PDB file of N, CA and C in Angstrom:
ATOM      1  N   MET A   1      29.456 114.719  17.928  1.00  0.00           N
ATOM      2  CA  MET A   1      28.089 115.017  18.295  1.00  0.00           C
ATOM      3  C   MET A   1      27.594 116.227  17.494  1.00  0.00           C
ATOM      4  N   THR A   2      28.081 116.433  16.344  1.00  0.00           N
ATOM      5  CA  THR A   2      27.554 117.510  15.482  1.00  0.00           C
ATOM      6  C   THR A   2      26.158 117.217  14.995  1.00  0.00           C
ATOM      7  N   LEU A   3      25.794 115.943  14.965  1.00  0.00           N
ATOM      8  CA  LEU A   3      24.468 115.577  14.537  1.00  0.00           C
ATOM      9  C   LEU A   3      23.395 116.117  15.474  1.00  0.00           C
ATOM     10  N   LEU A   4      23.690 116.062  16.744  1.00  0.00           N
ATOM     11  CA  LEU A   4      22.749 116.620  17.714  1.00  0.00           C
ATOM     12  C   LEU A   4      22.709 118.138  17.677  1.00  0.00           C
ATOM     13  N   ALA A   5      23.770 118.742  17.198  1.00  0.00           N
ATOM     14  CA  ALA A   5      23.825 120.171  17.168  1.00  0.00           C
ATOM     15  C   ALA A   5      23.192 120.742  15.900  1.00  0.00           C
ATOM     16  N   ALA A   6      22.917 119.847  14.936  1.00  0.00           N
ATOM     17  CA  ALA A   6      22.331 120.314  13.649  1.00  0.00           C
ATOM     18  C   ALA A   6      20.938 120.854  13.895  1.00  0.00           C
ATOM     19  N   PRO A   7      20.633 122.027  13.383  1.00  0.00           N
ATOM     20  CA  PRO A   7      19.284 122.595  13.591  1.00  0.00           C
ATOM     21  C   PRO A   7      18.234 121.824  12.782  1.00  0.00           C
ATOM     22  N   ALA A   8      17.051 121.749  13.317  1.00  0.00           N
ATOM     23  CA  ALA A   8      15.937 121.078  12.628  1.00  0.00           C
ATOM     24  C   ALA A   8      15.496 121.920  11.437  1.00  0.00           C
ATOM     25  N   LEU A   9      14.904 121.253  10.445  1.00  0.00           N
ATOM     26  CA  LEU A   9      14.446 121.965   9.271  1.00  0.00           C
ATOM     27  C   LEU A   9      13.172 122.744   9.643  1.00  0.00           C
ATOM     28  N   PRO A  10      13.081 124.002   9.362  1.00  0.00           N
ATOM     29  CA  PRO A  10      11.888 124.759   9.695  1.00  0.00           C
ATOM     30  C   PRO A  10      10.648 124.177   9.005  1.00  0.00           C
ATOM     31  N   LEU A  11       9.498 124.285   9.625  1.00  0.00           N
ATOM     32  CA  LEU A  11       8.269 123.702   9.100  1.00  0.00           C
ATOM     33  C   LEU A  11       7.908 124.215   7.740  1.00  0.00           C
ATOM     34  N   HIS A  12       8.120 125.457   7.456  1.00  0.00           N
ATOM     35  CA  HIS A  12       7.721 125.977   6.178  1.00  0.00           C
ATOM     36  C   HIS A  12       8.597 125.429   5.041  1.00  0.00           C
ATOM     37  N   LYS A  13       9.809 124.924   5.375  1.00  0.00           N
ATOM     38  CA  LYS A  13      10.665 124.283   4.371  1.00  0.00           C
ATOM     39  C   LYS A  13      10.460 122.771   4.334  1.00  0.00           C
ATOM     40  N   ALA A  14      10.018 122.156   5.430  1.00  0.00           N
ATOM     41  CA  ALA A  14       9.878 120.698   5.511  1.00  0.00           C
ATOM     42  C   ALA A  14       8.553 120.224   4.876  1.00  0.00           C
ATOM     43  N   GLY A  15       7.566 121.061   4.807  1.00  0.00           N
ATOM     44  CA  GLY A  15       6.251 120.674   4.277  1.00  0.00           C
ATOM     45  C   GLY A  15       6.286 120.042   2.916  1.00  0.00           C
ATOM     46  N   PRO A  16       6.957 120.636   1.944  1.00  0.00           N
ATOM     47  CA  PRO A  16       6.992 120.048   0.589  1.00  0.00           C
ATOM     48  C   PRO A  16       7.679 118.646   0.580  1.00  0.00           C
ATOM     49  N   TYR A  17       8.688 118.470   1.427  1.00  0.00           N
ATOM     50  CA  TYR A  17       9.366 117.190   1.472  1.00  0.00           C
ATOM     51  C   TYR A  17       8.466 116.080   2.062  1.00  0.00           C
ATOM     52  N   VAL A  18       7.725 116.473   3.099  1.00  0.00           N
ATOM     53  CA  VAL A  18       6.816 115.517   3.710  1.00  0.00           C
ATOM     54  C   VAL A  18       5.693 115.147   2.743  1.00  0.00           C
ATOM     55  N   ALA A  19       5.167 116.133   2.043  1.00  0.00           N
ATOM     56  CA  ALA A  19       4.117 115.882   1.045  1.00  0.00           C
ATOM     57  C   ALA A  19       4.672 114.981  -0.051  1.00  0.00           C
ATOM     58  N   ALA A  20       5.886 115.229  -0.548  1.00  0.00           N
ATOM     59  CA  ALA A  20       6.488 114.450  -1.567  1.00  0.00           C
ATOM     60  C   ALA A  20       6.703 113.000  -1.107  1.00  0.00           C
ATOM     61  N   ALA A  21       7.082 112.828   0.153  1.00  0.00           N
ATOM     62  CA  ALA A  21       7.286 111.513   0.692  1.00  0.00           C
ATOM     63  C   ALA A  21       5.949 110.736   0.716  1.00  0.00           C
ATOM     64  N   TYR A  22       4.871 111.402   1.155  1.00  0.00           N
ATOM     65  CA  TYR A  22       3.582 110.748   1.162  1.00  0.00           C
ATOM     66  C   TYR A  22       3.092 110.408  -0.224  1.00  0.00           C
ATOM     67  N   ILE A  23       3.334 111.308  -1.168  1.00  0.00           N
ATOM     68  CA  ILE A  23       2.950 111.008  -2.571  1.00  0.00           C
ATOM     69  C   ILE A  23       3.670 109.824  -3.129  1.00  0.00           C
ATOM     70  N   VAL A  24       4.985 109.727  -2.883  1.00  0.00           N
ATOM     71  CA  VAL A  24       5.770 108.586  -3.342  1.00  0.00           C
ATOM     72  C   VAL A  24       5.262 107.323  -2.677  1.00  0.00           C
ATOM     73  N   LEU A  25       4.993 107.358  -1.402  1.00  0.00           N
ATOM     74  CA  LEU A  25       4.479 106.191  -0.700  1.00  0.00           C
ATOM     75  C   LEU A  25       3.123 105.746  -1.305  1.00  0.00           C
ATOM     76  N   LEU A  26       2.255 106.722  -1.537  1.00  0.00           N
ATOM     77  CA  LEU A  26       0.946 106.419  -2.133  1.00  0.00           C
ATOM     78  C   LEU A  26       1.095 105.786  -3.514  1.00  0.00           C
ATOM     79  N   LEU A  27       2.011 106.317  -4.300  1.00  0.00           N
ATOM     80  CA  LEU A  27       2.246 105.759  -5.668  1.00  0.00           C
ATOM     81  C   LEU A  27       2.770 104.336  -5.585  1.00  0.00           C
ATOM     82  N   LEU A  28       3.662 104.087  -4.636  1.00  0.00           N
ATOM     83  CA  LEU A  28       4.172 102.731  -4.461  1.00  0.00           C
ATOM     84  C   LEU A  28       3.076 101.762  -4.054  1.00  0.00           C
ATOM     85  N   VAL A  29       2.188 102.164  -3.192  1.00  0.00           N
ATOM     86  CA  VAL A  29       1.091 101.315  -2.803  1.00  0.00           C
ATOM     87  C   VAL A  29       0.152 101.052  -3.989  1.00  0.00           C
ATOM     88  N   ILE A  30      -0.134 102.066  -4.785  1.00  0.00           N
ATOM     89  CA  ILE A  30      -0.986 101.892  -5.971  1.00  0.00           C
ATOM     90  C   ILE A  30      -0.369 100.922  -6.943  1.00  0.00           C
ATOM     91  N   VAL A  31       0.926 101.096  -7.181  1.00  0.00           N
ATOM     92  CA  VAL A  31       1.632 100.169  -8.137  1.00  0.00           C
ATOM     93  C   VAL A  31       1.622  98.756  -7.588  1.00  0.00           C
ATOM     94  N   TYR A  32       1.843  98.581  -6.317  1.00  0.00           N
ATOM     95  CA  TYR A  32       1.786  97.242  -5.677  1.00  0.00           C
ATOM     96  C   TYR A  32       0.410  96.608  -5.852  1.00  0.00           C
ATOM     97  N   VAL A  33      -0.623  97.358  -5.567  1.00  0.00           N
ATOM     98  CA  VAL A  33      -1.979  96.796  -5.670  1.00  0.00           C
ATOM     99  C   VAL A  33      -2.298  96.466  -7.122  1.00  0.00           C
ATOM    100  N   ALA A  34      -1.840  97.257  -8.095  1.00  0.00           N
ATOM    101  CA  ALA A  34      -2.057  96.977  -9.512  1.00  0.00           C
ATOM    102  C   ALA A  34      -1.374  95.705  -9.931  1.00  0.00           C
ATOM    103  N   ILE A  35      -0.131  95.508  -9.477  1.00  0.00           N
ATOM    104  CA  ILE A  35       0.629  94.254  -9.777  1.00  0.00           C
ATOM    105  C   ILE A  35      -0.111  93.061  -9.203  1.00  0.00           C
ATOM    106  N   ILE A  36      -0.526  93.147  -7.978  1.00  0.00           N
ATOM    107  CA  ILE A  36      -1.247  92.022  -7.325  1.00  0.00           C
ATOM    108  C   ILE A  36      -2.567  91.758  -8.062  1.00  0.00           C
ATOM    109  N   ALA A  37      -3.254  92.781  -8.507  1.00  0.00           N
ATOM    110  CA  ALA A  37      -4.516  92.562  -9.217  1.00  0.00           C
ATOM    111  C   ALA A  37      -4.275  91.865 -10.556  1.00  0.00           C
ATOM    112  N   LEU A  38      -3.223  92.252 -11.270  1.00  0.00           N
ATOM    113  CA  LEU A  38      -2.882  91.583 -12.518  1.00  0.00           C
ATOM    114  C   LEU A  38      -2.532  90.118 -12.299  1.00  0.00           C
ATOM    115  N   ARG A  39      -1.737  89.835 -11.293  1.00  0.00           N
ATOM    116  CA  ARG A  39      -1.393  88.461 -11.031  1.00  0.00           C
ATOM    117  C   ARG A  39      -2.607  87.636 -10.593  1.00  0.00           C
ATOM    118  N   THR A  40      -3.480  88.227  -9.858  1.00  0.00           N
ATOM    119  CA  THR A  40      -4.703  87.551  -9.407  1.00  0.00           C
ATOM    120  C   THR A  40      -5.591  87.200 -10.589  1.00  0.00           C
ATOM    121  N   SER A  41      -5.744  88.176 -11.459  1.00  0.00           N
ATOM    122  CA  SER A  41      -6.614  87.914 -12.627  1.00  0.00           C
ATOM    123  C   SER A  41      -5.994  86.858 -13.548  1.00  0.00           C
ATOM    124  N   ARG A  42      -4.681  86.864 -13.704  1.00  0.00           N
ATOM    125  CA  ARG A  42      -3.993  85.837 -14.505  1.00  0.00           C
ATOM    126  C   ARG A  42      -4.157  84.472 -13.863  1.00  0.00           C
ATOM    127  N   THR A  43      -4.071  84.421 -12.565  1.00  0.00           N
ATOM    128  CA  THR A  43      -4.235  83.147 -11.881  1.00  0.00           C
ATOM    129  C   THR A  43      -5.673  82.639 -11.974  1.00  0.00           C
ATOM    130  N   GLU A  44      -6.649  83.548 -11.876  1.00  0.00           N
ATOM    131  CA  GLU A  44      -8.024  83.160 -12.020  1.00  0.00           C
ATOM    132  C   GLU A  44      -8.341  82.630 -13.423  1.00  0.00           C
ATOM    133  N   ARG A  45      -7.739  83.248 -14.465  1.00  0.00           N
ATOM    134  CA  ARG A  45      -7.942  82.760 -15.809  1.00  0.00           C
ATOM    135  C   ARG A  45      -7.354  81.374 -15.968  1.00  0.00           C
ATOM    136  N   ALA A  46      -6.180  81.141 -15.412  1.00  0.00           N
ATOM    137  CA  ALA A  46      -5.519  79.833 -15.503  1.00  0.00           C
ATOM    138  C   ALA A  46      -6.346  78.792 -14.758  1.00  0.00           C
ATOM    139  N   LEU A  47      -6.894  79.146 -13.626  1.00  0.00           N
ATOM    140  CA  LEU A  47      -7.723  78.247 -12.838  1.00  0.00           C
ATOM    141  C   LEU A  47      -9.007  77.885 -13.594  1.00  0.00           C
ATOM    142  N   ASP A  48      -9.618  78.876 -14.240  1.00  0.00           N
ATOM    143  CA  ASP A  48     -10.819  78.609 -15.051  1.00  0.00           C
ATOM    144  C   ASP A  48     -10.484  77.635 -16.201  1.00  0.00           C
ATOM    145  N   ALA A  49      -9.340  77.826 -16.833  1.00  0.00           N
ATOM    146  CA  ALA A  49      -8.968  76.944 -17.942  1.00  0.00           C
ATOM    147  C   ALA A  49      -8.734  75.517 -17.409  1.00  0.00           C
ATOM    148  N   LEU A  50      -8.109  75.379 -16.240  1.00  0.00           N
ATOM    149  CA  LEU A  50      -7.920  74.070 -15.683  1.00  0.00           C
ATOM    150  C   LEU A  50      -9.265  73.403 -15.304  1.00  0.00           C
ATOM    151  N   GLU A  51     -10.177  74.176 -14.792  1.00  0.00           N
ATOM    152  CA  GLU A  51     -11.511  73.629 -14.458  1.00  0.00           C
ATOM    153  C   GLU A  51     -12.213  73.160 -15.682  1.00  0.00           C
ATOM    154  N   ARG A  52     -12.110  73.931 -16.809  1.00  0.00           N
ATOM    155  CA  ARG A  52     -12.717  73.518 -18.063  1.00  0.00           C
ATOM    156  C   ARG A  52     -12.097  72.216 -18.556  1.00  0.00           C
ATOM    157  N   ASP A  53     -10.741  72.092 -18.451  1.00  0.00           N
ATOM    158  CA  ASP A  53     -10.060  70.868 -18.882  1.00  0.00           C
ATOM    159  C   ASP A  53     -10.488  69.682 -18.076  1.00  0.00           C
ATOM    160  N   VAL A  54     -10.625  69.866 -16.747  1.00  0.00           N
ATOM    161  CA  VAL A  54     -11.056  68.753 -15.907  1.00  0.00           C
ATOM    162  C   VAL A  54     -12.474  68.326 -16.235  1.00  0.00           C
ATOM    163  N   GLU A  55     -13.379  69.266 -16.469  1.00  0.00           N
ATOM    164  CA  GLU A  55     -14.742  68.924 -16.814  1.00  0.00           C
ATOM    165  C   GLU A  55     -14.785  68.246 -18.187  1.00  0.00           C
ATOM    166  N   ALA A  56     -14.008  68.679 -19.134  1.00  0.00           N
ATOM    167  CA  ALA A  56     -13.968  68.058 -20.450  1.00  0.00           C
ATOM    168  C   ALA A  56     -13.442  66.634 -20.324  1.00  0.00           C
ATOM    169  N   ARG A  57     -12.420  66.428 -19.507  1.00  0.00           N
ATOM    170  CA  ARG A  57     -11.865  65.081 -19.315  1.00  0.00           C
ATOM    171  C   ARG A  57     -12.904  64.174 -18.658  1.00  0.00           C
ATOM    172  N   LYS A  58     -13.611  64.701 -17.654  1.00  0.00           N
ATOM    173  CA  LYS A  58     -14.633  63.910 -16.999  1.00  0.00           C
ATOM    174  C   LYS A  58     -15.740  63.498 -18.000  1.00  0.00           C
ATOM    175  N   ARG A  59     -16.156  64.484 -18.823  1.00  0.00           N
ATOM    176  CA  ARG A  59     -17.171  64.174 -19.824  1.00  0.00           C
ATOM    177  C   ARG A  59     -16.679  63.114 -20.822  1.00  0.00           C
ATOM    178  N   ALA A  60     -15.430  63.257 -21.245  1.00  0.00           N
ATOM    179  CA  ALA A  60     -14.864  62.286 -22.183  1.00  0.00           C
ATOM    180  C   ALA A  60     -14.779  60.895 -21.588  1.00  0.00           C
ATOM    181  N   GLU A  61     -14.383  60.828 -20.323  1.00  0.00           N
ATOM    182  CA  GLU A  61     -14.296  59.507 -19.648  1.00  0.00           C
ATOM    183  C   GLU A  61     -15.684  58.932 -19.479  1.00  0.00           C
ATOM    184  N   ALA A  62     -16.676  59.751 -19.134  1.00  0.00           N
ATOM    185  CA  ALA A  62     -18.060  59.262 -18.996  1.00  0.00           C
ATOM    186  C   ALA A  62     -18.588  58.760 -20.331  1.00  0.00           C
ATOM    187  N   GLU A  63     -18.317  59.502 -21.402  1.00  0.00           N
ATOM    188  CA  GLU A  63     -18.789  59.081 -22.723  1.00  0.00           C
ATOM    189  C   GLU A  63     -18.117  57.764 -23.123  1.00  0.00           C
ATOM    190  N   GLU A  64     -16.828  57.635 -22.825  1.00  0.00           N
ATOM    191  CA  GLU A  64     -16.113  56.410 -23.141  1.00  0.00           C
ATOM    192  C   GLU A  64     -16.659  55.235 -22.336  1.00  0.00           C
ATOM    193  N   ALA A  65     -16.955  55.496 -21.075  1.00  0.00           N
ATOM    194  CA  ALA A  65     -17.519  54.426 -20.274  1.00  0.00           C
ATOM    195  C   ALA A  65     -18.911  54.017 -20.766  1.00  0.00           C
ATOM    196  N   ASP A  66     -19.699  55.006 -21.207  1.00  0.00           N
ATOM    197  CA  ASP A  66     -21.028  54.695 -21.778  1.00  0.00           C
ATOM    198  C   ASP A  66     -20.846  53.847 -23.089  1.00  0.00           C
ATOM    199  N   ARG A  67     -19.897  54.233 -23.910  1.00  0.00           N
ATOM    200  CA  ARG A  67     -19.667  53.473 -25.162  1.00  0.00           C
ATOM    201  C   ARG A  67     -19.238  52.041 -24.833  1.00  0.00           C
ATOM    202  N   ASP A  68     -18.361  51.908 -23.789  1.00  0.00           N
ATOM    203  CA  ASP A  68     -17.949  50.557 -23.431  1.00  0.00           C
ATOM    204  C   ASP A  68     -19.117  49.751 -22.925  1.00  0.00           C
ATOM    205  N   LEU A  69     -20.005  50.346 -22.136  1.00  0.00           N
ATOM    206  CA  LEU A  69     -21.172  49.641 -21.635  1.00  0.00           C
ATOM    207  C   LEU A  69     -22.086  49.225 -22.805  1.00  0.00           C
ATOM    208  N   GLU A  70     -22.238  50.139 -23.758  1.00  0.00           N
ATOM    209  CA  GLU A  70     -23.073  49.827 -24.917  1.00  0.00           C
ATOM    210  C   GLU A  70     -22.477  48.679 -25.724  1.00  0.00           C
ATOM    211  N   SER A  71     -21.126  48.681 -25.838  1.00  0.00           N
ATOM    212  CA  SER A  71     -20.465  47.607 -26.587  1.00  0.00           C
ATOM    213  C   SER A  71     -20.646  46.282 -25.872  1.00  0.00           C
ATOM    214  N   VAL A  72     -20.521  46.281 -24.552  1.00  0.00           N
ATOM    215  CA  VAL A  72     -20.672  45.043 -23.787  1.00  0.00           C
ATOM    216  C   VAL A  72     -22.096  44.578 -23.921  1.00  0.00           C
ATOM    217  N   ALA A  73     -23.046  45.512 -23.825  1.00  0.00           N
ATOM    218  CA  ALA A  73     -24.448  45.159 -23.921  1.00  0.00           C
ATOM    219  C   ALA A  73     -24.815  44.603 -25.302  1.00  0.00           C
ATOM    220  N   ALA A  74     -24.136  45.087 -26.328  1.00  0.00           N
ATOM    221  CA  ALA A  74     -24.394  44.645 -27.690  1.00  0.00           C
ATOM    222  C   ALA A  74     -23.612  43.347 -27.985  1.00  0.00           C
ATOM    223  N   GLY A  75     -22.727  42.932 -27.062  1.00  0.00           N
ATOM    224  CA  GLY A  75     -22.040  41.690 -27.254  1.00  0.00           C
ATOM    225  C   GLY A  75     -20.730  41.844 -28.015  1.00  0.00           C
ATOM    226  N   ARG A  76     -20.244  43.029 -28.160  1.00  0.00           N
ATOM    227  CA  ARG A  76     -18.980  43.180 -28.900  1.00  0.00           C
ATOM    228  C   ARG A  76     -18.033  43.993 -27.979  1.00  0.00           C
ATOM    229  N   LEU A  77     -17.227  43.276 -27.239  1.00  0.00           N
ATOM    230  CA  LEU A  77     -16.259  43.887 -26.341  1.00  0.00           C
ATOM    231  C   LEU A  77     -15.080  44.400 -27.153  1.00  0.00           C
ATOM    232  N   THR A  78     -14.781  45.674 -27.003  1.00  0.00           N
ATOM    233  CA  THR A  78     -13.705  46.267 -27.805  1.00  0.00           C
ATOM    234  C   THR A  78     -12.346  46.180 -27.149  1.00  0.00           C
ATOM    235  N   ARG A  79     -12.333  46.048 -25.799  1.00  0.00           N
ATOM    236  CA  ARG A  79     -11.085  45.949 -25.105  1.00  0.00           C
ATOM    237  C   ARG A  79     -11.079  44.685 -24.272  1.00  0.00           C
ATOM    238  N   ALA A  80      -9.904  44.164 -24.009  1.00  0.00           N
ATOM    239  CA  ALA A  80      -9.809  42.985 -23.148  1.00  0.00           C
ATOM    240  C   ALA A  80     -10.150  43.362 -21.711  1.00  0.00           C
ATOM    241  N   PRO A  81     -10.817  42.513 -20.994  1.00  0.00           N
ATOM    242  CA  PRO A  81     -11.127  42.825 -19.608  1.00  0.00           C
ATOM    243  C   PRO A  81      -9.865  43.019 -18.804  1.00  0.00           C
ATOM    244  N   VAL A  82      -9.940  43.750 -17.727  1.00  0.00           N
ATOM    245  CA  VAL A  82      -8.783  43.987 -16.890  1.00  0.00           C
ATOM    246  C   VAL A  82      -8.391  42.663 -16.282  1.00  0.00           C
ATOM    247  N   GLY A  83      -7.095  42.339 -16.360  1.00  0.00           N
ATOM    248  CA  GLY A  83      -6.591  41.093 -15.769  1.00  0.00           C
ATOM    249  C   GLY A  83      -6.685  39.916 -16.713  1.00  0.00           C
ATOM    250  N   ALA A  84      -7.116  40.107 -17.935  1.00  0.00           N
ATOM    251  CA  ALA A  84      -7.221  38.982 -18.877  1.00  0.00           C
ATOM    252  C   ALA A  84      -5.901  38.757 -19.571  1.00  0.00           C
ATOM    253  N   SER A  85      -5.587  37.547 -19.842  1.00  0.00           N
ATOM    254  CA  SER A  85      -4.390  37.219 -20.575  1.00  0.00           C
ATOM    255  C   SER A  85      -4.651  37.311 -22.039  1.00  0.00           C
ATOM    256  N   PRO A  86      -3.622  37.315 -22.898  1.00  0.00           N
ATOM    257  CA  PRO A  86      -3.860  37.438 -24.352  1.00  0.00           C
ATOM    258  C   PRO A  86      -4.723  36.292 -24.911  1.00  0.00           C
ATOM    259  N   ASP A  87      -4.683  35.122 -24.306  1.00  0.00           N
ATOM    260  CA  ASP A  87      -5.469  34.023 -24.797  1.00  0.00           C
ATOM    261  C   ASP A  87      -6.891  33.994 -24.291  1.00  0.00           C
ATOM    262  N   GLY A  88      -7.271  35.013 -23.511  1.00  0.00           N
ATOM    263  CA  GLY A  88      -8.614  35.178 -23.048  1.00  0.00           C
ATOM    264  C   GLY A  88      -8.945  34.611 -21.682  1.00  0.00           C
ATOM    265  N   GLU A  89      -7.975  33.973 -21.047  1.00  0.00           N
ATOM    266  CA  GLU A  89      -8.211  33.429 -19.713  1.00  0.00           C
ATOM    267  C   GLU A  89      -7.916  34.504 -18.672  1.00  0.00           C
ATOM    268  N   ARG A  90      -8.687  34.389 -17.615  1.00  0.00           N
ATOM    269  CA  ARG A  90      -8.443  35.368 -16.509  1.00  0.00           C
ATOM    270  C   ARG A  90      -7.279  34.894 -15.686  1.00  0.00           C
ATOM    271  N   GLY A  91      -6.542  35.839 -15.186  1.00  0.00           N
ATOM    272  CA  GLY A  91      -5.389  35.529 -14.302  1.00  0.00           C
ATOM    273  C   GLY A  91      -5.872  35.252 -12.907  1.00  0.00           C
ATOM    274  N   PRO A  92      -4.957  35.079 -11.959  1.00  0.00           N
ATOM    275  CA  PRO A  92      -5.310  34.812 -10.609  1.00  0.00           C
ATOM    276  C   PRO A  92      -6.031  36.020  -9.983  1.00  0.00           C
ATOM    277  N   ALA A  93      -7.041  35.718  -9.180  1.00  0.00           N
ATOM    278  CA  ALA A  93      -7.896  36.784  -8.637  1.00  0.00           C
ATOM    279  C   ALA A  93      -7.282  37.362  -7.403  1.00  0.00           C
TER     280      ALA A  93
END
């Protein structure tokens, strides 16, 4: 039970240690927030790039569909219809 008998640290000596502990804690919180901010910005940039890719793919598919419609309207089909056999007959519906 010598732990209970140990005298407490006087306030004039404990003050610097308490202040140092608070400073270390504050620095750790600042570093944590900075790391989270970096990861968030990196994730936002990646998400923006993905959104641009999706929009570009949608535009490309729409342009391809428009070209296919123009080809069909002009009477020159460039691709076989879905479900068509190589000899041009349609398969079972």
